[in-house]
N, C-alpha and C. Protein backbone atom coordinates (compact mmCIF):
# COMPACT_ATOMS: atom_id res chain seq x y z
N MET A 1 -29.65 29.77 72.70
CA MET A 1 -28.32 29.91 73.81
C MET A 1 -27.32 29.07 73.48
N ALA A 2 -27.60 27.85 73.21
CA ALA A 2 -26.72 26.77 73.44
C ALA A 2 -25.82 26.99 72.17
N SER A 3 -25.88 27.54 71.08
CA SER A 3 -24.98 27.97 69.97
C SER A 3 -24.13 29.13 70.61
N ALA A 4 -24.45 29.68 71.43
CA ALA A 4 -23.36 31.09 71.97
C ALA A 4 -22.34 30.50 73.06
N VAL A 5 -22.49 29.16 73.58
CA VAL A 5 -21.57 28.44 74.29
C VAL A 5 -20.41 28.38 73.57
N PRO A 6 -20.58 27.31 72.25
CA PRO A 6 -19.15 26.87 71.79
C PRO A 6 -18.52 28.32 71.10
N ASN A 7 -19.24 29.47 70.78
CA ASN A 7 -18.39 30.35 70.45
C ASN A 7 -17.63 31.28 71.56
N VAL A 8 -18.11 31.08 72.75
CA VAL A 8 -17.43 31.60 74.13
C VAL A 8 -16.18 30.76 74.45
N GLN A 9 -16.39 29.48 74.16
CA GLN A 9 -15.17 28.59 74.54
C GLN A 9 -14.05 28.63 73.38
N ALA A 10 -14.29 29.03 72.34
CA ALA A 10 -13.51 29.04 71.14
C ALA A 10 -12.66 30.34 71.18
N VAL A 11 -13.07 31.44 72.19
CA VAL A 11 -12.34 32.50 72.16
C VAL A 11 -11.60 32.19 73.38
N LYS A 12 -10.53 32.60 73.11
CA LYS A 12 -9.27 32.09 74.15
C LYS A 12 -8.48 33.59 74.51
N ARG A 13 -8.50 33.85 75.83
CA ARG A 13 -8.17 35.30 76.25
C ARG A 13 -6.92 34.88 77.26
N GLU A 14 -5.81 35.76 77.20
CA GLU A 14 -4.79 35.45 77.80
C GLU A 14 -5.22 36.10 79.45
N PRO A 15 -4.84 35.49 80.27
CA PRO A 15 -4.91 36.00 81.71
C PRO A 15 -4.45 37.12 81.75
N ILE A 16 -4.89 37.89 82.73
CA ILE A 16 -4.33 39.23 83.33
C ILE A 16 -3.36 38.94 84.36
N MET A 17 -1.85 39.22 83.59
CA MET A 17 -0.80 39.11 84.60
C MET A 17 -0.02 40.33 85.31
N ARG A 18 0.19 40.06 86.43
CA ARG A 18 0.75 41.23 87.32
C ARG A 18 2.19 41.32 86.54
N LYS A 19 3.03 42.33 86.65
CA LYS A 19 4.20 42.46 86.16
C LYS A 19 5.03 41.75 86.64
N THR A 20 5.26 41.27 87.99
CA THR A 20 6.12 40.01 88.46
C THR A 20 5.86 38.64 87.67
N ASP A 21 4.40 38.30 87.50
CA ASP A 21 4.48 37.06 86.93
C ASP A 21 5.03 37.19 85.44
N ARG A 22 4.71 38.22 84.61
CA ARG A 22 5.40 38.42 83.37
C ARG A 22 6.74 38.26 83.41
N SER A 23 7.60 38.69 84.50
CA SER A 23 9.00 38.21 84.41
C SER A 23 9.21 36.99 84.77
N SER A 24 8.48 36.20 85.22
CA SER A 24 8.77 34.77 85.83
C SER A 24 8.43 33.79 84.53
N ALA A 25 7.65 34.45 83.75
CA ALA A 25 6.95 33.80 82.73
C ALA A 25 8.31 33.91 81.82
N MET A 26 8.68 35.31 81.54
CA MET A 26 9.80 35.51 80.65
C MET A 26 10.70 34.61 80.89
N ALA A 27 11.21 34.87 82.24
CA ALA A 27 12.57 34.18 82.52
C ALA A 27 12.46 32.54 82.32
N GLU A 28 11.19 31.82 82.58
CA GLU A 28 11.00 30.58 82.11
C GLU A 28 11.27 30.30 80.59
N ARG A 29 10.86 31.18 79.81
CA ARG A 29 10.95 31.23 78.28
C ARG A 29 12.54 31.74 77.85
N THR A 30 12.96 32.35 78.68
CA THR A 30 14.59 32.86 78.05
C THR A 30 15.66 31.99 78.66
N GLY A 31 15.29 31.57 80.01
CA GLY A 31 16.37 31.13 80.64
C GLY A 31 17.14 32.08 81.54
N VAL A 32 16.35 33.35 81.73
CA VAL A 32 17.19 34.32 82.33
C VAL A 32 16.76 34.45 83.74
N VAL A 33 17.60 34.54 84.76
CA VAL A 33 16.98 34.64 86.09
C VAL A 33 17.36 36.02 86.49
N GLY A 34 16.60 36.85 87.43
CA GLY A 34 16.78 38.06 87.97
C GLY A 34 16.94 38.47 89.30
N ILE A 35 17.73 39.29 89.78
CA ILE A 35 17.76 39.64 91.13
C ILE A 35 17.13 41.20 91.20
N GLY A 36 15.92 41.36 91.67
CA GLY A 36 15.32 42.45 91.78
C GLY A 36 16.07 43.78 92.69
N LYS A 37 15.59 44.93 92.38
CA LYS A 37 16.02 46.05 92.81
C LYS A 37 16.33 45.92 94.24
N SER A 38 15.32 45.49 94.75
CA SER A 38 15.40 45.58 96.56
C SER A 38 16.15 44.17 97.22
N ILE A 39 16.81 43.65 96.29
CA ILE A 39 17.28 42.44 97.03
C ILE A 39 19.07 42.67 97.07
N VAL A 40 19.24 42.30 98.26
CA VAL A 40 20.81 42.26 98.65
C VAL A 40 21.32 40.96 99.00
N ILE A 41 22.57 40.87 98.05
CA ILE A 41 23.20 39.39 98.25
C ILE A 41 24.55 39.61 98.94
N LYS A 42 24.94 39.02 99.76
CA LYS A 42 26.53 38.99 100.46
C LYS A 42 26.82 37.77 100.18
N GLY A 43 27.98 37.48 99.49
CA GLY A 43 28.53 36.26 99.70
C GLY A 43 28.79 35.71 98.33
N GLU A 44 28.89 34.50 97.99
CA GLU A 44 29.23 33.75 96.71
C GLU A 44 28.20 33.49 95.80
N LEU A 45 27.78 34.06 94.72
CA LEU A 45 26.90 33.76 93.85
C LEU A 45 27.54 32.97 92.51
N SER A 46 26.55 31.87 92.36
CA SER A 46 27.45 30.99 91.09
C SER A 46 26.06 30.17 90.47
N GLY A 47 26.07 29.69 89.27
CA GLY A 47 25.11 29.32 88.61
C GLY A 47 25.29 28.77 87.28
N ASN A 48 24.37 28.26 86.63
CA ASN A 48 24.42 27.76 85.49
C ASN A 48 23.02 28.56 84.59
N GLU A 49 22.98 29.57 84.59
CA GLU A 49 21.81 30.19 83.99
C GLU A 49 22.42 31.70 83.58
N ASP A 50 21.69 32.23 82.64
CA ASP A 50 22.16 33.68 82.61
C ASP A 50 21.31 34.57 83.65
N LEU A 51 21.96 35.60 84.28
CA LEU A 51 21.48 36.30 85.32
C LEU A 51 21.38 38.02 84.96
N THR A 52 20.32 38.29 85.57
CA THR A 52 20.11 40.15 85.24
C THR A 52 20.12 40.49 86.72
N ILE A 53 21.16 41.41 87.35
CA ILE A 53 21.10 42.00 88.61
C ILE A 53 20.56 43.42 88.47
N GLU A 54 19.57 43.35 89.37
CA GLU A 54 19.00 44.76 89.22
C GLU A 54 19.10 45.39 90.74
N GLY A 55 19.69 44.46 91.69
CA GLY A 55 19.55 44.72 92.86
C GLY A 55 21.25 45.13 93.47
N ARG A 56 21.58 44.94 94.81
CA ARG A 56 22.88 44.77 94.95
C ARG A 56 23.54 43.38 95.31
N VAL A 57 24.71 43.32 94.85
CA VAL A 57 25.50 41.98 95.21
C VAL A 57 27.00 42.34 95.58
N GLU A 58 27.45 41.67 96.86
CA GLU A 58 28.70 42.00 97.44
C GLU A 58 29.47 40.63 97.31
N GLY A 59 30.54 40.57 97.17
CA GLY A 59 31.63 39.09 97.27
C GLY A 59 31.85 38.65 96.06
N LYS A 60 31.48 37.64 95.47
CA LYS A 60 32.00 36.94 94.23
C LYS A 60 30.61 36.56 93.39
N VAL A 61 30.83 36.81 92.18
CA VAL A 61 29.73 36.14 91.15
C VAL A 61 30.50 35.26 89.81
N ASP A 62 29.90 34.09 90.01
CA ASP A 62 30.84 33.23 89.16
C ASP A 62 29.83 32.54 88.22
N LEU A 63 29.79 32.88 87.10
CA LEU A 63 28.37 32.29 85.73
C LEU A 63 29.48 32.34 84.56
N ASN A 64 30.56 31.39 84.80
CA ASN A 64 31.50 31.01 83.88
C ASN A 64 30.99 30.61 82.53
N GLN A 65 29.87 29.81 82.34
CA GLN A 65 29.36 29.67 80.96
C GLN A 65 28.19 30.36 80.74
N ASN A 66 27.65 31.50 81.50
CA ASN A 66 26.77 32.26 81.02
C ASN A 66 26.65 33.75 80.93
N LEU A 67 25.82 34.44 80.51
CA LEU A 67 25.70 35.70 80.58
C LEU A 67 25.33 36.87 81.77
N LEU A 68 26.05 37.64 82.13
CA LEU A 68 25.63 38.26 83.51
C LEU A 68 25.34 39.35 82.86
N THR A 69 24.19 40.03 83.40
CA THR A 69 23.94 41.58 82.75
C THR A 69 23.79 42.03 84.08
N VAL A 70 24.17 43.49 84.39
CA VAL A 70 24.36 44.22 85.56
C VAL A 70 23.48 45.49 85.19
N GLY A 71 21.89 45.22 85.66
CA GLY A 71 20.79 46.23 85.25
C GLY A 71 21.08 47.58 85.40
N GLU A 72 20.33 48.49 85.00
CA GLU A 72 20.54 50.12 85.29
C GLU A 72 20.40 50.29 86.66
N ASN A 73 19.71 49.60 87.54
CA ASN A 73 19.91 49.88 88.87
C ASN A 73 20.63 48.89 89.79
N GLY A 74 21.49 47.92 89.14
CA GLY A 74 22.27 46.94 89.57
C GLY A 74 23.42 47.65 90.08
N LYS A 75 24.08 47.14 91.37
CA LYS A 75 25.17 47.72 91.88
C LYS A 75 25.90 46.43 92.40
N VAL A 76 27.16 46.23 91.71
CA VAL A 76 27.67 44.79 92.05
C VAL A 76 29.23 45.41 92.80
N LYS A 77 29.53 44.85 93.90
CA LYS A 77 30.58 45.08 94.65
C LYS A 77 31.38 43.73 94.86
N ALA A 78 32.08 43.05 93.63
CA ALA A 78 32.39 41.94 93.73
C ALA A 78 33.32 41.60 92.64
N GLN A 79 34.15 40.23 92.52
CA GLN A 79 34.94 39.82 91.52
C GLN A 79 34.06 39.05 90.56
N VAL A 80 34.17 39.40 89.28
CA VAL A 80 32.97 38.85 88.43
C VAL A 80 33.53 38.00 87.41
N PHE A 81 33.18 36.77 87.30
CA PHE A 81 33.54 35.50 86.17
C PHE A 81 32.28 35.24 85.71
N ALA A 82 32.29 35.37 84.07
CA ALA A 82 31.30 35.17 83.62
C ALA A 82 31.49 34.82 81.86
N LYS A 83 30.92 34.06 81.14
CA LYS A 83 31.08 34.13 79.80
C LYS A 83 31.22 35.39 78.96
N THR A 84 30.00 36.03 79.39
CA THR A 84 29.68 37.58 78.82
C THR A 84 29.28 38.30 79.79
N VAL A 85 29.65 39.63 79.97
CA VAL A 85 29.25 40.57 80.89
C VAL A 85 28.78 41.83 80.14
N VAL A 86 27.74 42.40 80.43
CA VAL A 86 27.25 43.58 79.98
C VAL A 86 27.06 44.41 81.28
N VAL A 87 27.40 45.79 81.38
CA VAL A 87 27.45 46.43 82.58
C VAL A 87 26.44 47.56 82.12
N ILE A 88 25.40 47.85 82.46
CA ILE A 88 24.40 49.04 82.44
C ILE A 88 24.65 49.87 83.49
N GLY A 89 24.66 49.34 84.68
CA GLY A 89 24.80 49.77 86.13
C GLY A 89 26.06 49.97 86.56
N GLU A 90 26.63 49.52 87.71
CA GLU A 90 27.80 49.85 88.36
C GLU A 90 28.33 48.33 88.78
N VAL A 91 29.73 48.33 88.61
CA VAL A 91 30.62 47.27 88.97
C VAL A 91 31.95 47.86 89.59
N LEU A 92 31.99 47.49 90.97
CA LEU A 92 33.07 47.70 91.86
C LEU A 92 33.80 46.56 91.97
N GLY A 93 34.88 46.20 91.22
CA GLY A 93 35.75 44.91 91.31
C GLY A 93 36.55 44.61 90.15
N ASN A 94 37.11 43.62 90.13
CA ASN A 94 37.84 43.06 88.66
C ASN A 94 36.67 42.12 87.98
N VAL A 95 36.66 42.11 86.48
CA VAL A 95 35.79 41.58 85.62
C VAL A 95 36.44 40.56 85.02
N THR A 96 36.31 39.45 84.70
CA THR A 96 36.93 38.26 83.88
C THR A 96 35.82 37.86 83.10
N ALA A 97 35.75 37.88 81.51
CA ALA A 97 34.81 37.28 80.75
C ALA A 97 35.56 36.42 79.76
N VAL A 98 34.85 35.30 79.63
CA VAL A 98 35.64 34.54 78.80
C VAL A 98 35.46 34.79 77.19
N GLU A 99 34.32 35.40 76.71
CA GLU A 99 33.97 35.94 75.38
C GLU A 99 34.09 37.45 75.23
N LYS A 100 33.37 37.96 76.06
CA LYS A 100 33.23 39.57 76.15
C LYS A 100 32.76 40.42 77.18
N CYS A 101 33.15 41.51 77.56
CA CYS A 101 32.69 42.70 78.53
C CYS A 101 32.27 43.81 77.63
N SER A 102 31.13 44.18 77.93
CA SER A 102 30.59 45.46 77.37
C SER A 102 30.14 46.20 78.36
N ILE A 103 30.35 47.74 78.31
CA ILE A 103 30.15 48.43 79.12
C ILE A 103 29.04 49.73 78.56
N GLN A 104 27.95 49.78 79.10
CA GLN A 104 26.97 50.61 78.18
C GLN A 104 27.18 51.93 78.33
N GLU A 105 26.34 52.79 77.89
CA GLU A 105 26.36 54.26 77.83
C GLU A 105 26.46 54.79 79.35
N LYS A 106 25.30 54.05 80.08
CA LYS A 106 25.35 54.61 81.52
C LYS A 106 26.09 53.84 82.33
N GLY A 107 26.61 52.79 82.07
CA GLY A 107 27.42 51.83 82.88
C GLY A 107 28.57 52.48 83.38
N ALA A 108 29.14 51.77 84.37
CA ALA A 108 30.46 52.05 85.16
C ALA A 108 31.00 50.83 85.62
N VAL A 109 32.46 50.85 85.59
CA VAL A 109 33.24 49.66 86.02
C VAL A 109 34.61 50.65 86.58
N ASP A 110 34.79 49.97 87.86
CA ASP A 110 36.03 50.73 88.49
C ASP A 110 36.68 49.23 89.05
N GLY A 111 37.60 48.87 88.28
CA GLY A 111 38.37 47.61 88.20
C GLY A 111 38.97 47.13 87.12
N ASP A 112 39.61 46.21 87.12
CA ASP A 112 40.52 45.74 85.93
C ASP A 112 39.55 44.38 85.15
N ILE A 113 39.61 44.75 83.75
CA ILE A 113 38.72 43.72 83.02
C ILE A 113 39.74 42.87 82.19
N SER A 114 39.19 41.78 82.18
CA SER A 114 40.33 40.62 81.46
C SER A 114 39.18 39.96 80.59
N ALA A 115 39.45 40.16 79.33
CA ALA A 115 38.54 39.49 78.10
C ALA A 115 38.75 39.68 77.00
N PRO A 116 38.77 38.79 75.89
CA PRO A 116 39.38 38.83 74.66
C PRO A 116 38.89 39.87 73.87
N ARG A 117 37.33 40.34 73.98
CA ARG A 117 36.95 41.47 73.44
C ARG A 117 36.27 42.51 74.46
N VAL A 118 36.42 43.70 74.43
CA VAL A 118 36.05 44.61 75.64
C VAL A 118 35.13 45.77 74.51
N ALA A 119 34.28 46.34 74.87
CA ALA A 119 33.64 47.11 74.04
C ALA A 119 32.87 48.56 75.23
N ILE A 120 33.44 49.62 75.28
CA ILE A 120 33.18 50.66 75.92
C ILE A 120 32.42 51.67 75.20
N ALA A 121 31.15 51.91 75.59
CA ALA A 121 30.22 53.02 74.63
C ALA A 121 30.65 54.27 75.29
N GLU A 122 30.26 55.35 74.44
CA GLU A 122 30.41 56.61 74.55
C GLU A 122 29.62 57.06 75.88
N GLY A 123 29.92 57.88 76.76
CA GLY A 123 29.40 57.98 78.08
C GLY A 123 29.10 57.24 79.17
N ALA A 124 30.23 55.90 78.92
CA ALA A 124 30.38 54.93 79.83
C ALA A 124 31.62 55.27 81.11
N HIS A 125 31.66 54.83 82.01
CA HIS A 125 32.67 54.97 82.89
C HIS A 125 33.65 54.13 83.12
N PHE A 126 34.81 54.08 83.13
CA PHE A 126 35.78 52.99 83.25
C PHE A 126 36.91 53.34 83.95
N ARG A 127 37.52 52.90 84.98
CA ARG A 127 38.78 53.01 85.73
C ARG A 127 39.38 51.78 86.16
N GLY A 128 40.60 51.47 85.28
CA GLY A 128 41.24 50.08 85.65
C GLY A 128 42.09 49.75 84.37
N SER A 129 42.71 48.66 84.27
CA SER A 129 43.31 48.05 83.41
C SER A 129 42.35 47.23 82.44
N ILE A 130 42.86 47.09 81.10
CA ILE A 130 42.30 46.09 80.47
C ILE A 130 43.43 45.06 79.73
N ASP A 131 43.19 43.59 80.17
CA ASP A 131 43.92 42.63 79.44
C ASP A 131 43.12 41.86 78.41
N MET A 132 43.44 42.05 77.11
CA MET A 132 42.67 41.20 76.17
C MET A 132 43.41 40.23 75.43
N ARG A 133 43.42 39.00 76.59
CA ARG A 133 44.27 38.00 76.18
C ARG A 133 43.44 37.28 75.00
N ARG A 134 44.31 36.53 74.08
CA ARG A 134 43.42 35.92 72.74
C ARG A 134 42.96 34.64 73.39
N SER A 135 42.25 33.94 72.44
CA SER A 135 41.75 32.59 72.97
C SER A 135 42.86 31.30 73.12
N GLN A 136 42.37 30.46 73.62
CA GLN A 136 43.45 29.34 74.09
C GLN A 136 44.10 28.91 72.75
N SER A 137 43.47 28.91 71.64
CA SER A 137 44.01 28.18 70.43
C SER A 137 45.40 29.39 69.98
N ALA A 138 45.46 30.41 70.44
CA ALA A 138 46.48 31.58 70.16
C ALA A 138 47.44 31.58 70.99
N LYS A 139 47.22 31.05 72.10
CA LYS A 139 48.18 31.08 73.23
C LYS A 139 49.59 30.35 72.83
N PRO A 140 49.56 29.08 72.16
CA PRO A 140 50.82 28.66 71.94
C PRO A 140 51.78 29.29 71.01
N VAL A 141 51.13 29.84 69.87
CA VAL A 141 51.76 30.82 68.95
C VAL A 141 52.48 31.80 69.82
N VAL A 142 51.66 32.87 70.65
CA VAL A 142 52.29 33.81 71.48
C VAL A 142 53.63 33.02 72.37
N ALA A 143 53.25 31.82 73.05
CA ALA A 143 54.39 31.37 73.80
C ALA A 143 55.59 30.67 73.01
N ALA A 144 55.51 30.50 71.79
CA ALA A 144 56.42 29.96 70.88
C ALA A 144 57.40 31.20 70.62
N VAL A 145 56.65 32.50 70.18
CA VAL A 145 57.40 33.88 70.02
C VAL A 145 58.07 34.05 71.21
N ALA A 146 57.34 34.12 72.42
CA ALA A 146 57.93 34.69 73.65
C ALA A 146 58.87 33.84 74.38
N SER A 147 59.11 32.52 73.91
CA SER A 147 60.00 31.73 74.33
C SER A 147 61.46 31.80 73.98
N GLY A 148 61.30 32.54 72.42
CA GLY A 148 62.38 32.51 71.66
C GLY A 148 62.87 31.25 70.98
N SER A 149 61.84 30.54 70.23
CA SER A 149 62.18 29.51 69.55
C SER A 149 63.09 29.70 68.48
N ALA A 150 63.57 28.73 67.54
CA ALA A 150 64.77 29.34 66.72
C ALA A 150 64.28 30.00 65.62
N GLY A 151 63.05 29.30 64.97
CA GLY A 151 62.34 29.82 64.14
C GLY A 151 61.92 31.20 63.99
N ALA A 152 61.61 31.42 65.23
CA ALA A 152 60.88 32.76 65.55
C ALA A 152 62.07 33.87 65.39
N SER A 153 63.11 33.57 66.30
CA SER A 153 64.07 34.55 66.56
C SER A 153 65.09 34.68 65.50
N ASN A 154 65.42 33.63 64.47
CA ASN A 154 66.34 33.79 63.40
C ASN A 154 65.51 34.51 62.37
N ALA A 155 64.62 34.71 61.95
CA ALA A 155 63.89 35.39 60.70
C ALA A 155 64.25 36.94 61.03
N PRO A 156 63.93 37.30 62.13
CA PRO A 156 64.22 39.05 62.27
C PRO A 156 65.84 39.16 62.19
N ARG A 157 66.69 38.32 62.80
CA ARG A 157 68.02 38.72 62.59
C ARG A 157 68.51 38.43 60.93
N ALA A 158 67.98 37.49 60.40
CA ALA A 158 68.43 37.44 58.94
C ALA A 158 68.07 38.61 58.16
N LYS A 159 66.92 38.98 58.47
CA LYS A 159 66.88 40.51 57.54
C LYS A 159 67.53 41.41 58.28
N SER A 160 67.98 41.73 59.52
CA SER A 160 68.76 42.97 59.91
C SER A 160 69.97 42.66 59.49
N ALA A 161 70.40 41.30 59.18
CA ALA A 161 71.91 41.19 58.72
C ALA A 161 71.91 41.36 57.28
N ALA A 162 70.97 41.28 56.68
CA ALA A 162 70.92 41.40 55.00
C ALA A 162 70.74 42.72 54.65
N LYS A 163 70.27 43.92 55.66
CA LYS A 163 70.45 45.35 55.36
C LYS A 163 72.04 45.78 55.10
N PRO A 164 72.84 45.38 56.16
CA PRO A 164 74.08 46.14 55.85
C PRO A 164 74.70 45.45 54.72
N GLU A 165 74.48 44.16 54.32
CA GLU A 165 75.11 43.67 53.02
C GLU A 165 74.54 44.36 51.75
N SER A 166 73.25 44.78 51.92
CA SER A 166 72.73 45.46 50.65
C SER A 166 73.27 46.98 50.32
N VAL A 167 73.74 47.75 51.55
CA VAL A 167 74.30 48.78 51.45
C VAL A 167 75.36 48.69 50.53
N PRO A 168 76.55 48.07 50.56
CA PRO A 168 77.64 48.11 49.71
C PRO A 168 77.50 47.62 48.23
N ALA A 169 76.25 47.21 47.95
CA ALA A 169 75.86 46.76 46.67
C ALA A 169 75.72 48.10 45.69
N PRO A 170 74.77 49.03 46.30
CA PRO A 170 74.82 50.39 45.56
C PRO A 170 76.03 50.97 45.34
N ALA A 171 77.03 50.93 46.15
CA ALA A 171 78.30 51.73 46.16
C ALA A 171 78.91 51.65 44.63
N PRO A 172 79.37 50.26 44.29
CA PRO A 172 79.86 50.34 42.88
C PRO A 172 79.19 50.71 41.72
N ALA A 173 77.92 50.88 41.81
CA ALA A 173 77.15 51.38 41.12
C ALA A 173 77.21 52.85 40.77
N ALA A 174 77.40 53.64 42.09
CA ALA A 174 77.62 55.20 41.86
C ALA A 174 79.01 55.54 41.15
N PRO A 175 79.79 54.85 41.24
CA PRO A 175 81.35 55.11 40.51
C PRO A 175 81.08 55.00 39.07
N ALA A 176 80.44 53.91 38.49
CA ALA A 176 80.12 53.42 37.06
C ALA A 176 79.18 54.66 36.76
N LEU A 177 78.48 55.44 37.39
CA LEU A 177 77.64 56.74 36.84
C LEU A 177 78.48 57.67 36.86
N LYS A 178 79.85 58.02 37.76
CA LYS A 178 80.51 58.96 37.55
C LYS A 178 81.41 59.19 36.26
N SER A 179 81.76 57.89 35.80
CA SER A 179 82.82 57.57 34.94
C SER A 179 82.25 58.22 33.63
């Protein structure tokens, strides 16, 4: 019997985990925090971790450096600021994403979206406006063109001025063909 004891100790079994234990273990490994279906938050929500909302949030959500996922059961009535926003549930309010905003097939957004990249899946609901501003490095180029700098404004004028001058050039060639 003594020989059977080492074999039992060598067998390593995973402990049986409840669903909530699995969720918290997964959150520890992935760094994603979740707000469950029965949770209601009113006020300002901010943090430095990725967040999945399955419950209700009203107010303001500020996760500028992280991913915000509004899950299938999530209902957010707030101004949203995040690095990336994925909407599978519902958002009522304006969404500002540093990198991307994605509305999945069953997702809904009623509000304005401001992000350099926006994806709206077929079947998704969206009502609002989209502002796809470019990254910070592109803003000086846009500002130079918009401000009417000499280099940007002279190039189109030179081309338009060249077109009327090129019209008379073919005219002498036409009489030469008639002769």
